[in-house]
Amino acid sequence: MTPQITVVSGKGGTGKTTLTALWGSMADRPVLVDADVDASNLPLAYPRELREQHAFVGRDVAVVNEQLCKNCGVCARACRFDAFLEVEGRVRVDPLACEGCTLCTLMCPLDAITMKPHVSGTWSVSETGFGPLVHAQLGIAEGNSGKLVTQVRRVGEKLADERAAGVILVDGPPGIGCQTTAAMAGASLVVLVTEPSASGRHDMERLLSVTNRLGVVALVVLNKVDLAPGEEALIRATVSRMGADYIGSVPFIQEVPGLLASGSLIRECPRVLREVAERLWQVILERALAAESVQQ
């Protein structure tokens, strides 16, 4: 099996995607996966060529057959999600409100309601100079992001098998929601990127409680360490108490946001950042290989 490394953060803005992009450029035959389907940013870090794009059907929604419907209102009264609206004297379904529970199809006395697949977003495969990149975009106000995360991971795993990849590197979403769990479950290793702040430490602790429940090996990297040097000792202590491993820190480099904005981070990465990232990557890869061998 190809080792799969998922990079996560307890909150946004820690520098997770920046470090993931750098590690992807250092990996041997990687398959890159952006599992942050609500705000896919990893594609911004690489020059790439879009190879394929597919619709993602996350759920079914109710559809009213106007020829059969007599506007009796049974469906609207039964729907606890208020998905049925009256427009110009006819019953309509709000697809954003419909949860696909199918109760309306059972309640309609005229069988005028059926369930139809609803496109909730897209998933794509691009080619970068380092390897294939699987990424996705959830539609506005759409749900089922956990399903879309699972979809892009499955595509990444298939590409890894086809190309005999050395590693699958997943840029996970921030937070501890279902999409983060979907990005971490079954991974060989999780790398948690945090920042030196009280909120960063608190959210890191919440996320480590999730990795502990999932039984996934977790490594912690402290980014922008010099912004609050006193926080490092507190973060180290928290990591130790939660049973994870602290593997190092990354300095704050003022030029990085501008390099990201211009799309030139990989090409013009400051030497000090690249050297630190390379050292961390070697540790991460060794631990991932060891964890994968144990799982097998």
C-alpha atoms as a PDB file:
ATOM      1  CA  MET A   1       0.000   0.000   0.000  1.00  0.00           C
ATOM      2  CA  THR A   2       1.121   3.546  -0.729  1.00  0.00           C
ATOM      3  CA  PRO A   3       1.650   5.528   2.493  1.00  0.00           C
ATOM      4  CA  GLN A   4      -0.936   8.273   2.889  1.00  0.00           C
ATOM      5  CA  ILE A   5      -0.095  11.416   4.851  1.00  0.00           C
ATOM      6  CA  THR A   6      -2.858  13.869   5.749  1.00  0.00           C
ATOM      7  CA  VAL A   7      -1.916  17.405   6.822  1.00  0.00           C
ATOM      8  CA  VAL A   8      -4.491  19.143   9.009  1.00  0.00           C
ATOM      9  CA  SER A   9      -4.875  22.104  11.344  1.00  0.00           C
ATOM     10  CA  GLY A  10      -7.242  22.877  14.166  1.00  0.00           C
ATOM     11  CA  LYS A  11      -7.972  26.302  12.684  1.00  0.00           C
ATOM     12  CA  GLY A  12      -7.485  28.222   9.469  1.00  0.00           C
ATOM     13  CA  GLY A  13      -4.447  30.399   8.833  1.00  0.00           C
ATOM     14  CA  THR A  14      -1.784  28.209  10.429  1.00  0.00           C
ATOM     15  CA  GLY A  15       0.154  27.722   7.182  1.00  0.00           C
ATOM     16  CA  LYS A  16      -0.998  24.145   6.581  1.00  0.00           C
ATOM     17  CA  THR A  17      -1.392  24.481   2.818  1.00  0.00           C
ATOM     18  CA  THR A  18       1.921  26.347   2.468  1.00  0.00           C
ATOM     19  CA  LEU A  19       3.829  23.524   4.133  1.00  0.00           C
ATOM     20  CA  THR A  20       1.846  20.847   2.280  1.00  0.00           C
ATOM     21  CA  ALA A  21       2.725  22.489  -1.037  1.00  0.00           C
ATOM     22  CA  LEU A  22       6.425  22.548  -0.146  1.00  0.00           C
ATOM     23  CA  TRP A  23       6.399  18.920   1.024  1.00  0.00           C
ATOM     24  CA  GLY A  24       4.652  17.913  -2.190  1.00  0.00           C
ATOM     25  CA  SER A  25       7.480  19.474  -4.204  1.00  0.00           C
ATOM     26  CA  MET A  26      10.029  17.447  -2.202  1.00  0.00           C
ATOM     27  CA  ALA A  27       8.280  14.072  -2.327  1.00  0.00           C
ATOM     28  CA  ASP A  28       9.243  11.230  -4.644  1.00  0.00           C
ATOM     29  CA  ARG A  29       6.452  10.406  -7.122  1.00  0.00           C
ATOM     30  CA  PRO A  30       3.652  11.944  -5.053  1.00  0.00           C
ATOM     31  CA  VAL A  31      -0.068  11.975  -5.667  1.00  0.00           C
ATOM     32  CA  LEU A  32      -1.393  15.265  -4.279  1.00  0.00           C
ATOM     33  CA  VAL A  33      -4.939  15.548  -2.922  1.00  0.00           C
ATOM     34  CA  ASP A  34      -6.660  18.739  -1.775  1.00  0.00           C
ATOM     35  CA  ALA A  35      -9.358  17.561   0.616  1.00  0.00           C
ATOM     36  CA  ASP A  36     -10.424  21.079   1.623  1.00  0.00           C
ATOM     37  CA  VAL A  37     -13.381  20.995  -0.749  1.00  0.00           C
ATOM     38  CA  ASP A  38     -14.988  24.135   0.688  1.00  0.00           C
ATOM     39  CA  ALA A  39     -11.924  26.285  -0.088  1.00  0.00           C
ATOM     40  CA  SER A  40      -9.481  24.433  -2.332  1.00  0.00           C
ATOM     41  CA  ASN A  41      -6.180  26.341  -2.191  1.00  0.00           C
ATOM     42  CA  LEU A  42      -3.485  23.763  -2.937  1.00  0.00           C
ATOM     43  CA  PRO A  43      -3.968  24.160  -6.725  1.00  0.00           C
ATOM     44  CA  LEU A  44      -2.924  27.819  -6.347  1.00  0.00           C
ATOM     45  CA  ALA A  45       0.564  26.760  -5.253  1.00  0.00           C
ATOM     46  CA  TYR A  46       1.479  24.790  -8.391  1.00  0.00           C
ATOM     47  CA  PRO A  47       1.624  25.509 -12.115  1.00  0.00           C
ATOM     48  CA  ARG A  48      -0.834  22.926 -13.410  1.00  0.00           C
ATOM     49  CA  GLU A  49      -2.860  21.718 -16.357  1.00  0.00           C
ATOM     50  CA  LEU A  50      -6.451  20.597 -15.865  1.00  0.00           C
ATOM     51  CA  ARG A  51      -6.852  17.077 -17.276  1.00  0.00           C
ATOM     52  CA  GLU A  52     -10.376  16.060 -16.280  1.00  0.00           C
ATOM     53  CA  GLN A  53     -13.392  17.368 -14.400  1.00  0.00           C
ATOM     54  CA  HIS A  54     -16.469  15.512 -13.178  1.00  0.00           C
ATOM     55  CA  ALA A  55     -19.772  16.383 -11.547  1.00  0.00           C
ATOM     56  CA  PHE A  56     -20.235  15.293  -7.947  1.00  0.00           C
ATOM     57  CA  VAL A  57     -23.688  14.015  -7.005  1.00  0.00           C
ATOM     58  CA  GLY A  58     -23.862  14.223  -3.237  1.00  0.00           C
ATOM     59  CA  ARG A  59     -27.554  13.536  -2.669  1.00  0.00           C
ATOM     60  CA  ASP A  60     -31.024  13.194  -4.165  1.00  0.00           C
ATOM     61  CA  VAL A  61     -33.606  15.976  -3.970  1.00  0.00           C
ATOM     62  CA  ALA A  62     -37.365  15.949  -4.394  1.00  0.00           C
ATOM     63  CA  VAL A  63     -38.881  16.974  -7.743  1.00  0.00           C
ATOM     64  CA  VAL A  64     -42.582  17.713  -8.274  1.00  0.00           C
ATOM     65  CA  ASN A  65     -44.359  16.490 -11.399  1.00  0.00           C
ATOM     66  CA  GLU A  66     -46.522  19.494 -12.240  1.00  0.00           C
ATOM     67  CA  GLN A  67     -48.862  17.449 -14.435  1.00  0.00           C
ATOM     68  CA  LEU A  68     -49.787  15.186 -11.522  1.00  0.00           C
ATOM     69  CA  CYS A  69     -49.608  17.706  -8.674  1.00  0.00           C
ATOM     70  CA  LYS A  70     -52.947  19.209  -7.492  1.00  0.00           C
ATOM     71  CA  ASN A  71     -51.371  21.618  -4.944  1.00  0.00           C
ATOM     72  CA  CYS A  72     -53.006  19.861  -2.014  1.00  0.00           C
ATOM     73  CA  GLY A  73     -50.228  20.951   0.355  1.00  0.00           C
ATOM     74  CA  VAL A  74     -49.655  17.551   1.993  1.00  0.00           C
ATOM     75  CA  CYS A  75     -45.971  17.607   1.093  1.00  0.00           C
ATOM     76  CA  ALA A  76     -45.408  21.088   2.511  1.00  0.00           C
ATOM     77  CA  ARG A  77     -47.099  20.212   5.793  1.00  0.00           C
ATOM     78  CA  ALA A  78     -45.092  16.984   6.127  1.00  0.00           C
ATOM     79  CA  CYS A  79     -41.683  18.493   5.300  1.00  0.00           C
ATOM     80  CA  ARG A  80     -39.836  19.457   8.484  1.00  0.00           C
ATOM     81  CA  PHE A  81     -37.169  21.272   6.420  1.00  0.00           C
ATOM     82  CA  ASP A  82     -39.619  23.724   4.781  1.00  0.00           C
ATOM     83  CA  ALA A  83     -38.318  22.702   1.367  1.00  0.00           C
ATOM     84  CA  PHE A  84     -41.647  23.195  -0.430  1.00  0.00           C
ATOM     85  CA  LEU A  85     -42.604  26.643  -1.704  1.00  0.00           C
ATOM     86  CA  GLU A  86     -45.583  27.993  -3.601  1.00  0.00           C
ATOM     87  CA  VAL A  87     -44.502  29.975  -6.657  1.00  0.00           C
ATOM     88  CA  GLU A  88     -47.131  31.456  -8.964  1.00  0.00           C
ATOM     89  CA  GLY A  89     -49.708  29.088  -7.618  1.00  0.00           C
ATOM     90  CA  ARG A  90     -47.595  25.968  -8.112  1.00  0.00           C
ATOM     91  CA  VAL A  91     -45.629  23.856  -5.620  1.00  0.00           C
ATOM     92  CA  ARG A  92     -41.880  24.036  -6.035  1.00  0.00           C
ATOM     93  CA  VAL A  93     -38.946  22.416  -4.187  1.00  0.00           C
ATOM     94  CA  ASP A  94     -36.048  24.458  -2.867  1.00  0.00           C
ATOM     95  CA  PRO A  95     -33.069  22.129  -3.622  1.00  0.00           C
ATOM     96  CA  LEU A  96     -30.896  23.845  -1.011  1.00  0.00           C
ATOM     97  CA  ALA A  97     -33.457  23.161   1.725  1.00  0.00           C
ATOM     98  CA  CYS A  98     -34.314  19.596   0.681  1.00  0.00           C
ATOM     99  CA  GLU A  99     -32.437  16.997   2.758  1.00  0.00           C
ATOM    100  CA  GLY A 100     -33.426  14.057   0.586  1.00  0.00           C
ATOM    101  CA  CYS A 101     -35.292  12.215   3.345  1.00  0.00           C
ATOM    102  CA  THR A 102     -37.996  10.954   0.864  1.00  0.00           C
ATOM    103  CA  LEU A 103     -40.870  11.524   3.326  1.00  0.00           C
ATOM    104  CA  CYS A 104     -42.704  13.657   0.775  1.00  0.00           C
ATOM    105  CA  THR A 105     -42.680  10.837  -1.780  1.00  0.00           C
ATOM    106  CA  LEU A 106     -44.380   8.597   0.777  1.00  0.00           C
ATOM    107  CA  MET A 107     -46.946  11.213   1.837  1.00  0.00           C
ATOM    108  CA  CYS A 108     -48.002  12.475  -1.596  1.00  0.00           C
ATOM    109  CA  PRO A 109     -51.445  10.931  -2.373  1.00  0.00           C
ATOM    110  CA  LEU A 110     -50.910  11.309  -6.136  1.00  0.00           C
ATOM    111  CA  ASP A 111     -47.330   9.997  -6.393  1.00  0.00           C
ATOM    112  CA  ALA A 112     -46.391  13.340  -7.900  1.00  0.00           C
ATOM    113  CA  ILE A 113     -43.013  13.575  -6.193  1.00  0.00           C
ATOM    114  CA  THR A 114     -39.871  11.652  -7.115  1.00  0.00           C
ATOM    115  CA  MET A 115     -36.215  11.860  -6.035  1.00  0.00           C
ATOM    116  CA  LYS A 116     -33.610  12.968  -8.547  1.00  0.00           C
ATOM    117  CA  PRO A 117     -29.797  13.132  -8.283  1.00  0.00           C
ATOM    118  CA  HIS A 118     -28.538  16.616  -7.423  1.00  0.00           C
ATOM    119  CA  VAL A 119     -25.134  17.907  -8.534  1.00  0.00           C
ATOM    120  CA  SER A 120     -23.465  19.397  -5.451  1.00  0.00           C
ATOM    121  CA  GLY A 121     -20.064  20.296  -6.903  1.00  0.00           C
ATOM    122  CA  THR A 122     -17.203  19.056  -9.048  1.00  0.00           C
ATOM    123  CA  TRP A 123     -13.993  17.087  -8.641  1.00  0.00           C
ATOM    124  CA  SER A 124     -11.002  17.409 -10.926  1.00  0.00           C
ATOM    125  CA  VAL A 125      -7.588  15.990 -11.725  1.00  0.00           C
ATOM    126  CA  SER A 126      -4.773  18.338 -12.744  1.00  0.00           C
ATOM    127  CA  GLU A 127      -1.195  17.564 -13.713  1.00  0.00           C
ATOM    128  CA  THR A 128       1.591  19.433 -11.945  1.00  0.00           C
ATOM    129  CA  GLY A 129       5.335  19.254 -12.429  1.00  0.00           C
ATOM    130  CA  PHE A 130       5.535  16.968  -9.391  1.00  0.00           C
ATOM    131  CA  GLY A 131       2.611  14.620  -9.857  1.00  0.00           C
ATOM    132  CA  PRO A 132      -1.170  14.497 -10.298  1.00  0.00           C
ATOM    133  CA  LEU A 133      -3.315  16.752  -8.124  1.00  0.00           C
ATOM    134  CA  VAL A 134      -6.866  15.755  -7.219  1.00  0.00           C
ATOM    135  CA  HIS A 135      -9.013  18.674  -6.088  1.00  0.00           C
ATOM    136  CA  ALA A 136     -12.664  19.587  -5.807  1.00  0.00           C
ATOM    137  CA  GLN A 137     -15.088  22.442  -5.334  1.00  0.00           C
ATOM    138  CA  LEU A 138     -18.293  22.123  -3.374  1.00  0.00           C
ATOM    139  CA  GLY A 139     -21.153  24.254  -4.672  1.00  0.00           C
ATOM    140  CA  ILE A 140     -22.339  27.330  -2.791  1.00  0.00           C
ATOM    141  CA  ALA A 141     -24.492  26.426   0.235  1.00  0.00           C
ATOM    142  CA  GLU A 142     -24.172  22.714  -0.565  1.00  0.00           C
ATOM    143  CA  GLY A 143     -23.700  19.998   2.027  1.00  0.00           C
ATOM    144  CA  ASN A 144     -22.191  16.518   2.020  1.00  0.00           C
ATOM    145  CA  SER A 145     -18.621  17.830   2.010  1.00  0.00           C
ATOM    146  CA  GLY A 146     -17.513  14.675   3.832  1.00  0.00           C
ATOM    147  CA  LYS A 147     -18.669  12.578   0.869  1.00  0.00           C
ATOM    148  CA  LEU A 148     -16.742  14.776  -1.562  1.00  0.00           C
ATOM    149  CA  VAL A 149     -13.609  14.488   0.600  1.00  0.00           C
ATOM    150  CA  THR A 150     -13.955  10.704   0.468  1.00  0.00           C
ATOM    151  CA  GLN A 151     -14.365  10.888  -3.305  1.00  0.00           C
ATOM    152  CA  VAL A 152     -11.154  12.865  -3.919  1.00  0.00           C
ATOM    153  CA  ARG A 153      -9.225  10.545  -1.588  1.00  0.00           C
ATOM    154  CA  ARG A 154     -10.487   7.489  -3.490  1.00  0.00           C
ATOM    155  CA  VAL A 155      -9.440   9.041  -6.796  1.00  0.00           C
ATOM    156  CA  GLY A 156      -6.017   9.821  -5.314  1.00  0.00           C
ATOM    157  CA  GLU A 157      -5.626   6.233  -4.099  1.00  0.00           C
ATOM    158  CA  LYS A 158      -6.555   4.908  -7.544  1.00  0.00           C
ATOM    159  CA  LEU A 159      -4.007   7.181  -9.228  1.00  0.00           C
ATOM    160  CA  ALA A 160      -1.373   6.088  -6.715  1.00  0.00           C
ATOM    161  CA  ASP A 161      -1.955   2.448  -7.671  1.00  0.00           C
ATOM    162  CA  GLU A 162      -1.893   3.196 -11.400  1.00  0.00           C
ATOM    163  CA  ARG A 163       1.309   5.237 -11.228  1.00  0.00           C
ATOM    164  CA  ALA A 164       3.141   3.299  -8.513  1.00  0.00           C
ATOM    165  CA  ALA A 165       3.306   6.498  -6.454  1.00  0.00           C
ATOM    166  CA  GLY A 166       5.732   6.906  -3.599  1.00  0.00           C
ATOM    167  CA  VAL A 167       3.302   8.719  -1.335  1.00  0.00           C
ATOM    168  CA  ILE A 168      -0.203  10.204  -1.217  1.00  0.00           C
ATOM    169  CA  LEU A 169      -0.095  13.666   0.345  1.00  0.00           C
ATOM    170  CA  VAL A 170      -3.467  15.054   1.424  1.00  0.00           C
ATOM    171  CA  ASP A 171      -4.064  18.708   2.288  1.00  0.00           C
ATOM    172  CA  GLY A 172      -6.934  18.374   4.744  1.00  0.00           C
ATOM    173  CA  PRO A 173      -9.542  20.947   5.770  1.00  0.00           C
ATOM    174  CA  PRO A 174      -9.180  22.953   8.991  1.00  0.00           C
ATOM    175  CA  GLY A 175     -11.246  22.277  12.102  1.00  0.00           C
ATOM    176  CA  ILE A 176     -12.687  19.046  13.500  1.00  0.00           C
ATOM    177  CA  GLY A 177     -15.829  18.605  11.381  1.00  0.00           C
ATOM    178  CA  CYS A 178     -16.928  15.604   9.336  1.00  0.00           C
ATOM    179  CA  GLN A 179     -14.802  16.624   6.348  1.00  0.00           C
ATOM    180  CA  THR A 180     -11.676  16.631   8.536  1.00  0.00           C
ATOM    181  CA  THR A 181     -12.545  13.200   9.900  1.00  0.00           C
ATOM    182  CA  ALA A 182     -13.107  11.971   6.334  1.00  0.00           C
ATOM    183  CA  ALA A 183      -9.662  13.292   5.371  1.00  0.00           C
ATOM    184  CA  MET A 184      -7.883  11.598   8.292  1.00  0.00           C
ATOM    185  CA  ALA A 185      -9.631   8.239   8.696  1.00  0.00           C
ATOM    186  CA  GLY A 186      -7.456   5.431   7.351  1.00  0.00           C
ATOM    187  CA  ALA A 187      -4.384   7.618   6.761  1.00  0.00           C
ATOM    188  CA  SER A 188      -0.964   6.193   7.575  1.00  0.00           C
ATOM    189  CA  LEU A 189      -0.085   9.361   9.449  1.00  0.00           C
ATOM    190  CA  VAL A 190      -1.536  12.756  10.327  1.00  0.00           C
ATOM    191  CA  VAL A 191       0.602  15.913  10.480  1.00  0.00           C
ATOM    192  CA  LEU A 192      -1.012  18.673  12.520  1.00  0.00           C
ATOM    193  CA  VAL A 193       0.212  22.197  11.753  1.00  0.00           C
ATOM    194  CA  THR A 194      -0.448  24.706  14.523  1.00  0.00           C
ATOM    195  CA  GLU A 195       0.553  28.270  15.378  1.00  0.00           C
ATOM    196  CA  PRO A 196       1.945  29.890  18.562  1.00  0.00           C
ATOM    197  CA  SER A 197      -1.263  31.315  19.981  1.00  0.00           C
ATOM    198  CA  ALA A 198      -3.804  30.396  22.632  1.00  0.00           C
ATOM    199  CA  SER A 199      -6.418  29.688  19.973  1.00  0.00           C
ATOM    200  CA  GLY A 200      -3.961  27.595  17.967  1.00  0.00           C
ATOM    201  CA  ARG A 201      -3.076  25.541  21.043  1.00  0.00           C
ATOM    202  CA  HIS A 202      -6.727  25.076  22.017  1.00  0.00           C
ATOM    203  CA  ASP A 203      -7.793  23.970  18.542  1.00  0.00           C
ATOM    204  CA  MET A 204      -4.750  21.702  18.262  1.00  0.00           C
ATOM    205  CA  GLU A 205      -5.829  19.975  21.458  1.00  0.00           C
ATOM    206  CA  ARG A 206      -9.361  19.431  20.111  1.00  0.00           C
ATOM    207  CA  LEU A 207      -7.985  17.960  16.892  1.00  0.00           C
ATOM    208  CA  LEU A 208      -5.584  15.662  18.734  1.00  0.00           C
ATOM    209  CA  SER A 209      -8.549  14.301  20.682  1.00  0.00           C
ATOM    210  CA  VAL A 210     -10.055  13.331  17.305  1.00  0.00           C
ATOM    211  CA  THR A 211      -6.878  11.622  16.059  1.00  0.00           C
ATOM    212  CA  ASN A 212      -6.735   9.707  19.344  1.00  0.00           C
ATOM    213  CA  ARG A 213     -10.288   8.472  18.834  1.00  0.00           C
ATOM    214  CA  LEU A 214      -9.475   7.459  15.261  1.00  0.00           C
ATOM    215  CA  GLY A 215      -6.305   5.700  16.375  1.00  0.00           C
ATOM    216  CA  VAL A 216      -4.167   7.602  13.863  1.00  0.00           C
ATOM    217  CA  VAL A 217      -0.514   8.444  14.550  1.00  0.00           C
ATOM    218  CA  ALA A 218      -0.192  12.243  14.851  1.00  0.00           C
ATOM    219  CA  LEU A 219       2.867  14.469  14.484  1.00  0.00           C
ATOM    220  CA  VAL A 220       2.777  18.180  15.341  1.00  0.00           C
ATOM    221  CA  VAL A 221       4.610  21.026  13.591  1.00  0.00           C
ATOM    222  CA  LEU A 222       4.614  24.546  15.035  1.00  0.00           C
ATOM    223  CA  ASN A 223       4.590  27.172  12.284  1.00  0.00           C
ATOM    224  CA  LYS A 224       5.569  30.851  12.698  1.00  0.00           C
ATOM    225  CA  VAL A 225       7.241  29.943  15.998  1.00  0.00           C
ATOM    226  CA  ASP A 226       9.095  33.248  16.450  1.00  0.00           C
ATOM    227  CA  LEU A 227       5.864  35.283  16.590  1.00  0.00           C
ATOM    228  CA  ALA A 228       5.319  34.104  20.190  1.00  0.00           C
ATOM    229  CA  PRO A 229       8.333  32.088  21.411  1.00  0.00           C
ATOM    230  CA  GLY A 230       6.805  31.525  24.836  1.00  0.00           C
ATOM    231  CA  GLU A 231       4.001  29.448  23.339  1.00  0.00           C
ATOM    232  CA  GLU A 232       6.326  26.686  22.129  1.00  0.00           C
ATOM    233  CA  ALA A 233       6.828  25.199  25.602  1.00  0.00           C
ATOM    234  CA  LEU A 234       3.066  25.177  26.210  1.00  0.00           C
ATOM    235  CA  ILE A 235       2.425  23.492  22.877  1.00  0.00           C
ATOM    236  CA  ARG A 236       5.132  20.906  23.516  1.00  0.00           C
ATOM    237  CA  ALA A 237       3.578  20.096  26.888  1.00  0.00           C
ATOM    238  CA  THR A 238       0.102  19.774  25.373  1.00  0.00           C
ATOM    239  CA  VAL A 239       1.349  17.520  22.578  1.00  0.00           C
ATOM    240  CA  SER A 240       3.114  15.258  25.071  1.00  0.00           C
ATOM    241  CA  ARG A 241       0.053  15.075  27.314  1.00  0.00           C
ATOM    242  CA  MET A 242      -2.152  14.156  24.341  1.00  0.00           C
ATOM    243  CA  GLY A 243       0.146  11.311  23.281  1.00  0.00           C
ATOM    244  CA  ALA A 244       1.355  12.843  20.001  1.00  0.00           C
ATOM    245  CA  ASP A 245       4.902  13.718  18.880  1.00  0.00           C
ATOM    246  CA  TYR A 246       6.269  17.231  18.425  1.00  0.00           C
ATOM    247  CA  ILE A 247       8.760  17.095  15.528  1.00  0.00           C
ATOM    248  CA  GLY A 248       9.825  20.722  15.081  1.00  0.00           C
ATOM    249  CA  SER A 249       9.011  24.312  14.272  1.00  0.00           C
ATOM    250  CA  VAL A 250       9.071  26.637  11.265  1.00  0.00           C
ATOM    251  CA  PRO A 251      10.052  30.322  11.453  1.00  0.00           C
ATOM    252  CA  PHE A 252       7.793  33.150  10.316  1.00  0.00           C
ATOM    253  CA  ILE A 253       8.968  34.496   6.947  1.00  0.00           C
ATOM    254  CA  GLN A 254       7.370  37.733   5.841  1.00  0.00           C
ATOM    255  CA  GLU A 255       7.825  37.091   2.116  1.00  0.00           C
ATOM    256  CA  VAL A 256       5.734  33.908   2.062  1.00  0.00           C
ATOM    257  CA  PRO A 257       2.233  35.479   1.687  1.00  0.00           C
ATOM    258  CA  GLY A 258       3.413  37.486  -1.310  1.00  0.00           C
ATOM    259  CA  LEU A 259       4.996  34.418  -2.910  1.00  0.00           C
ATOM    260  CA  LEU A 260       1.768  32.504  -2.414  1.00  0.00           C
ATOM    261  CA  ALA A 261      -0.281  35.331  -3.935  1.00  0.00           C
ATOM    262  CA  SER A 262       1.969  35.462  -7.004  1.00  0.00           C
ATOM    263  CA  GLY A 263       2.046  31.681  -7.409  1.00  0.00           C
ATOM    264  CA  SER A 264       5.831  31.564  -7.097  1.00  0.00           C
ATOM    265  CA  LEU A 265       6.286  29.946  -3.682  1.00  0.00           C
ATOM    266  CA  ILE A 266       7.724  26.689  -5.009  1.00  0.00           C
ATOM    267  CA  ARG A 267      10.065  28.409  -7.469  1.00  0.00           C
ATOM    268  CA  GLU A 268      11.267  31.204  -5.177  1.00  0.00           C
ATOM    269  CA  CYS A 269      10.965  29.634  -1.735  1.00  0.00           C
ATOM    270  CA  PRO A 270      13.370  31.310   0.757  1.00  0.00           C
ATOM    271  CA  ARG A 271      16.318  29.077   1.526  1.00  0.00           C
ATOM    272  CA  VAL A 272      15.737  28.947   5.277  1.00  0.00           C
ATOM    273  CA  LEU A 273      12.129  27.821   4.790  1.00  0.00           C
ATOM    274  CA  ARG A 274      13.084  25.150   2.278  1.00  0.00           C
ATOM    275  CA  GLU A 275      15.809  23.743   4.527  1.00  0.00           C
ATOM    276  CA  VAL A 276      13.484  23.524   7.536  1.00  0.00           C
ATOM    277  CA  ALA A 277      10.702  22.016   5.439  1.00  0.00           C
ATOM    278  CA  GLU A 278      13.082  19.401   4.006  1.00  0.00           C
ATOM    279  CA  ARG A 279      14.219  18.299   7.469  1.00  0.00           C
ATOM    280  CA  LEU A 280      10.633  17.987   8.636  1.00  0.00           C
ATOM    281  CA  TRP A 281       9.634  16.099   5.494  1.00  0.00           C
ATOM    282  CA  GLN A 282      12.309  13.464   6.044  1.00  0.00           C
ATOM    283  CA  VAL A 283      10.996  12.837   9.557  1.00  0.00           C
ATOM    284  CA  ILE A 284       7.380  12.737   8.352  1.00  0.00           C
ATOM    285  CA  LEU A 285       8.111  10.329   5.504  1.00  0.00           C
ATOM    286  CA  GLU A 286      10.133   7.957   7.702  1.00  0.00           C
ATOM    287  CA  ARG A 287       7.364   7.885  10.299  1.00  0.00           C
ATOM    288  CA  ALA A 288       4.697   7.349   7.623  1.00  0.00           C
ATOM    289  CA  LEU A 289       6.570   4.396   6.133  1.00  0.00           C
ATOM    290  CA  ALA A 290       6.999   2.897   9.585  1.00  0.00           C
ATOM    291  CA  ALA A 291       3.310   3.412  10.430  1.00  0.00           C
ATOM    292  CA  GLU A 292       2.210   1.867   7.124  1.00  0.00           C
ATOM    293  CA  SER A 293       4.379  -1.214   7.695  1.00  0.00           C
ATOM    294  CA  VAL A 294       2.797  -1.683  11.136  1.00  0.00           C
ATOM    295  CA  GLN A 295      -0.730  -1.359   9.690  1.00  0.00           C
ATOM    296  CA  GLN A 296       0.018  -4.012   7.078  1.00  0.00           C
END
